[in-house]
């Protein structure tokens, strides 16, 4: 009785896999150092344009708010003498 159910599940998985759409995604940055769009939103993957080009990508690490803060001049630190 279990064989028809397993066969049906396996056939369904193959059918869904064959019919799924595969898109070309270029991943940028990483989870620890992501890229950000000009509006500040985090970008992990970029899709190509209709012509298949990735050229107009404007996502950079410098667009991230926390990256701009880390580029500011460091604060001076006072050391207490004993």
N, C-alpha and C. Protein backbone atom coordinates (compact mmCIF):
# COMPACT_ATOMS: atom_id res chain seq x y z
N UNK A 1 0.82 -1.20 0.00
CA UNK A 1 0.00 0.00 0.00
C UNK A 1 0.87 1.26 0.00
N UNK A 2 2.06 1.18 0.57
CA UNK A 2 2.91 2.36 0.64
C UNK A 2 3.57 2.68 -0.70
N UNK A 3 3.78 1.68 -1.55
CA UNK A 3 4.47 1.91 -2.81
C UNK A 3 3.74 2.88 -3.73
N UNK A 4 2.43 2.77 -3.92
CA UNK A 4 1.75 3.74 -4.79
C UNK A 4 1.84 5.18 -4.26
N UNK A 5 1.79 5.32 -2.96
CA UNK A 5 1.88 6.67 -2.37
C UNK A 5 3.27 7.23 -2.59
N UNK A 6 4.30 6.44 -2.34
CA UNK A 6 5.67 6.90 -2.54
C UNK A 6 5.94 7.21 -4.02
N UNK A 7 5.43 6.37 -4.91
CA UNK A 7 5.60 6.60 -6.34
C UNK A 7 4.92 7.91 -6.76
N UNK A 8 3.73 8.15 -6.24
CA UNK A 8 3.00 9.38 -6.57
C UNK A 8 3.73 10.61 -6.06
N UNK A 9 4.28 10.54 -4.85
CA UNK A 9 5.04 11.66 -4.31
C UNK A 9 6.31 11.92 -5.11
N UNK A 10 7.02 10.87 -5.49
CA UNK A 10 8.24 11.02 -6.27
C UNK A 10 7.95 11.59 -7.65
N UNK A 11 6.88 11.11 -8.29
CA UNK A 11 6.51 11.62 -9.60
C UNK A 11 6.08 13.08 -9.52
N UNK A 12 5.38 13.44 -8.48
CA UNK A 12 4.96 14.84 -8.30
C UNK A 12 6.16 15.75 -8.10
N UNK A 13 7.14 15.30 -7.32
CA UNK A 13 8.34 16.10 -7.10
C UNK A 13 9.12 16.29 -8.39
N UNK A 14 9.23 15.25 -9.20
CA UNK A 14 9.92 15.36 -10.48
C UNK A 14 9.19 16.30 -11.43
N UNK A 15 7.88 16.21 -11.47
CA UNK A 15 7.09 17.06 -12.33
C UNK A 15 7.21 18.53 -11.93
N UNK A 16 7.11 18.80 -10.64
CA UNK A 16 7.24 20.18 -10.18
C UNK A 16 8.65 20.73 -10.43
N UNK A 17 9.65 19.89 -10.28
CA UNK A 17 11.01 20.32 -10.55
C UNK A 17 11.25 20.61 -12.02
N UNK A 18 10.65 19.82 -12.88
CA UNK A 18 10.82 20.02 -14.32
C UNK A 18 10.07 21.25 -14.81
N UNK A 19 8.98 21.60 -14.17
CA UNK A 19 8.18 22.73 -14.61
C UNK A 19 8.58 24.04 -13.94
N UNK A 20 9.47 24.00 -12.99
CA UNK A 20 9.85 25.22 -12.30
C UNK A 20 10.71 26.10 -13.20
N UNK A 21 10.61 27.37 -12.98
CA UNK A 21 11.36 28.34 -13.78
C UNK A 21 12.71 28.58 -13.11
N UNK A 22 13.76 28.53 -13.88
CA UNK A 22 15.10 28.76 -13.37
C UNK A 22 15.52 30.16 -13.81
N UNK A 23 15.88 30.98 -12.86
CA UNK A 23 16.32 32.33 -13.17
C UNK A 23 17.80 32.45 -12.86
N UNK A 24 18.45 33.28 -13.65
CA UNK A 24 19.86 33.53 -13.44
C UNK A 24 20.00 34.66 -12.43
N UNK A 25 20.54 34.35 -11.27
CA UNK A 25 20.69 35.33 -10.20
C UNK A 25 22.18 35.47 -9.91
N UNK A 26 22.62 36.70 -9.82
CA UNK A 26 24.01 36.96 -9.42
C UNK A 26 23.97 37.45 -7.98
N UNK A 27 24.64 36.72 -7.11
CA UNK A 27 24.67 37.10 -5.70
C UNK A 27 25.78 38.12 -5.48
N UNK A 28 25.46 39.16 -4.74
CA UNK A 28 26.43 40.21 -4.45
C UNK A 28 26.61 40.31 -2.95
N UNK A 29 27.80 40.59 -2.54
CA UNK A 29 28.07 40.71 -1.12
C UNK A 29 27.94 39.37 -0.42
N UNK A 30 27.72 39.42 0.88
CA UNK A 30 27.52 38.22 1.68
C UNK A 30 26.59 38.57 2.83
N UNK A 31 26.28 37.61 3.66
CA UNK A 31 25.39 37.89 4.79
C UNK A 31 26.05 38.81 5.80
N UNK A 32 27.38 38.72 5.94
CA UNK A 32 28.07 39.58 6.91
C UNK A 32 28.49 40.92 6.31
N UNK A 33 28.69 40.98 5.01
CA UNK A 33 29.06 42.22 4.31
C UNK A 33 28.14 42.41 3.10
N UNK A 34 26.87 42.76 3.31
CA UNK A 34 25.93 42.86 2.19
C UNK A 34 26.14 44.14 1.39
N UNK A 35 25.59 44.14 0.19
CA UNK A 35 25.54 45.34 -0.63
C UNK A 35 24.19 45.99 -0.37
N UNK A 36 24.09 47.29 -0.59
CA UNK A 36 22.84 48.01 -0.41
C UNK A 36 22.52 48.81 -1.66
N UNK A 37 21.23 48.93 -1.94
CA UNK A 37 20.75 49.73 -3.06
C UNK A 37 20.89 51.21 -2.69
N UNK A 38 20.77 52.11 -3.66
CA UNK A 38 20.88 53.54 -3.36
C UNK A 38 19.88 54.03 -2.30
N UNK A 39 18.74 53.34 -2.14
CA UNK A 39 17.78 53.75 -1.11
C UNK A 39 18.12 53.19 0.27
N UNK A 40 19.18 52.37 0.37
CA UNK A 40 19.61 51.83 1.65
C UNK A 40 19.12 50.43 1.94
N UNK A 41 18.29 49.85 1.09
CA UNK A 41 17.80 48.50 1.34
C UNK A 41 18.87 47.47 0.98
N UNK A 42 18.92 46.39 1.74
CA UNK A 42 19.93 45.36 1.56
C UNK A 42 19.63 44.53 0.32
N UNK A 43 20.68 44.24 -0.46
CA UNK A 43 20.56 43.47 -1.70
C UNK A 43 21.47 42.25 -1.58
N UNK A 44 20.90 41.06 -1.72
CA UNK A 44 21.70 39.84 -1.70
C UNK A 44 21.82 39.20 -3.07
N UNK A 45 20.85 39.42 -3.95
CA UNK A 45 20.87 38.84 -5.29
C UNK A 45 20.34 39.83 -6.30
N UNK A 46 20.88 39.79 -7.51
CA UNK A 46 20.49 40.71 -8.57
C UNK A 46 20.10 39.91 -9.80
N UNK A 47 18.98 40.27 -10.41
CA UNK A 47 18.52 39.63 -11.65
C UNK A 47 19.02 40.43 -12.84
N UNK A 48 19.25 39.78 -13.97
CA UNK A 48 19.70 40.51 -15.15
C UNK A 48 18.57 41.33 -15.79
N UNK A 49 18.97 42.27 -16.63
CA UNK A 49 17.99 43.06 -17.37
C UNK A 49 17.40 42.21 -18.49
N UNK A 50 16.49 42.77 -19.26
CA UNK A 50 15.88 42.04 -20.37
C UNK A 50 16.90 41.65 -21.42
N UNK A 51 17.98 42.41 -21.52
CA UNK A 51 19.04 42.11 -22.48
C UNK A 51 20.06 41.12 -21.94
N UNK A 52 19.90 40.72 -20.69
CA UNK A 52 20.82 39.76 -20.09
C UNK A 52 22.06 40.37 -19.48
N UNK A 53 22.04 41.67 -19.27
CA UNK A 53 23.20 42.37 -18.72
C UNK A 53 22.99 42.67 -17.25
N UNK A 54 24.08 42.65 -16.49
CA UNK A 54 24.05 43.04 -15.08
C UNK A 54 24.64 44.43 -14.89
N UNK A 55 24.95 45.11 -15.99
CA UNK A 55 25.71 46.36 -15.95
C UNK A 55 25.08 47.48 -15.12
N UNK A 56 23.77 47.70 -15.16
CA UNK A 56 23.24 48.85 -14.41
C UNK A 56 23.10 48.62 -12.91
N UNK A 57 23.85 47.67 -12.36
CA UNK A 57 23.77 47.41 -10.91
C UNK A 57 24.36 48.60 -10.17
N UNK A 58 23.57 49.17 -9.28
CA UNK A 58 24.04 50.32 -8.52
C UNK A 58 24.18 49.99 -7.04
N UNK A 59 24.21 48.71 -6.71
CA UNK A 59 24.31 48.30 -5.32
C UNK A 59 25.79 48.24 -4.93
N UNK A 60 26.11 48.90 -3.85
CA UNK A 60 27.48 48.92 -3.33
C UNK A 60 27.44 48.86 -1.82
N UNK A 61 28.53 48.45 -1.18
CA UNK A 61 28.57 48.47 0.28
C UNK A 61 28.49 49.88 0.85
N UNK A 62 28.93 50.88 0.08
CA UNK A 62 28.93 52.26 0.56
C UNK A 62 27.51 52.82 0.74
N UNK A 63 26.52 52.20 0.12
CA UNK A 63 25.13 52.66 0.27
C UNK A 63 24.53 52.24 1.60
N UNK A 64 25.15 51.31 2.31
CA UNK A 64 24.62 50.83 3.60
C UNK A 64 24.89 51.88 4.68
N UNK A 65 23.90 52.09 5.54
CA UNK A 65 24.02 53.10 6.59
C UNK A 65 25.15 52.77 7.55
N UNK A 66 25.31 51.50 7.91
CA UNK A 66 26.35 51.13 8.86
C UNK A 66 27.75 51.22 8.25
N UNK A 67 27.85 51.10 6.93
CA UNK A 67 29.15 51.23 6.28
C UNK A 67 29.60 52.69 6.31
N UNK A 68 28.67 53.61 6.13
CA UNK A 68 29.01 55.03 6.17
C UNK A 68 29.47 55.43 7.57
N UNK A 69 28.85 54.86 8.59
CA UNK A 69 29.25 55.17 9.96
C UNK A 69 30.65 54.65 10.25
N UNK A 70 31.01 53.49 9.71
CA UNK A 70 32.33 52.93 9.97
C UNK A 70 33.43 53.69 9.24
N UNK A 71 33.07 54.47 8.20
CA UNK A 71 34.06 55.23 7.44
C UNK A 71 34.34 56.60 8.07
N UNK A 72 33.55 57.00 9.06
CA UNK A 72 33.77 58.29 9.71
C UNK A 72 35.07 58.24 10.49
N UNK A 73 35.60 59.40 10.81
CA UNK A 73 36.85 59.48 11.56
C UNK A 73 36.66 58.86 12.94
N UNK A 74 37.62 58.08 13.40
CA UNK A 74 37.48 57.46 14.72
C UNK A 74 37.55 58.50 15.83
N UNK A 75 36.85 58.22 16.91
CA UNK A 75 36.87 59.13 18.06
C UNK A 75 38.16 58.93 18.82
N UNK A 76 38.62 60.02 19.43
CA UNK A 76 39.83 59.89 20.24
C UNK A 76 39.49 59.19 21.55
N UNK A 77 40.43 58.43 22.03
CA UNK A 77 40.22 57.67 23.27
C UNK A 77 41.18 58.18 24.32
N UNK A 78 40.63 58.51 25.48
CA UNK A 78 41.48 58.98 26.58
C UNK A 78 41.85 57.79 27.44
N UNK A 79 43.11 57.73 27.80
CA UNK A 79 43.59 56.65 28.65
C UNK A 79 43.85 57.21 30.02
N UNK A 80 43.25 56.58 31.03
CA UNK A 80 43.42 57.05 32.41
C UNK A 80 44.77 56.58 32.94
N UNK A 81 45.47 57.47 33.59
CA UNK A 81 46.77 57.12 34.18
C UNK A 81 46.54 56.63 35.61
N UNK A 82 47.30 55.62 36.01
CA UNK A 82 47.15 55.08 37.36
C UNK A 82 47.94 55.89 38.35
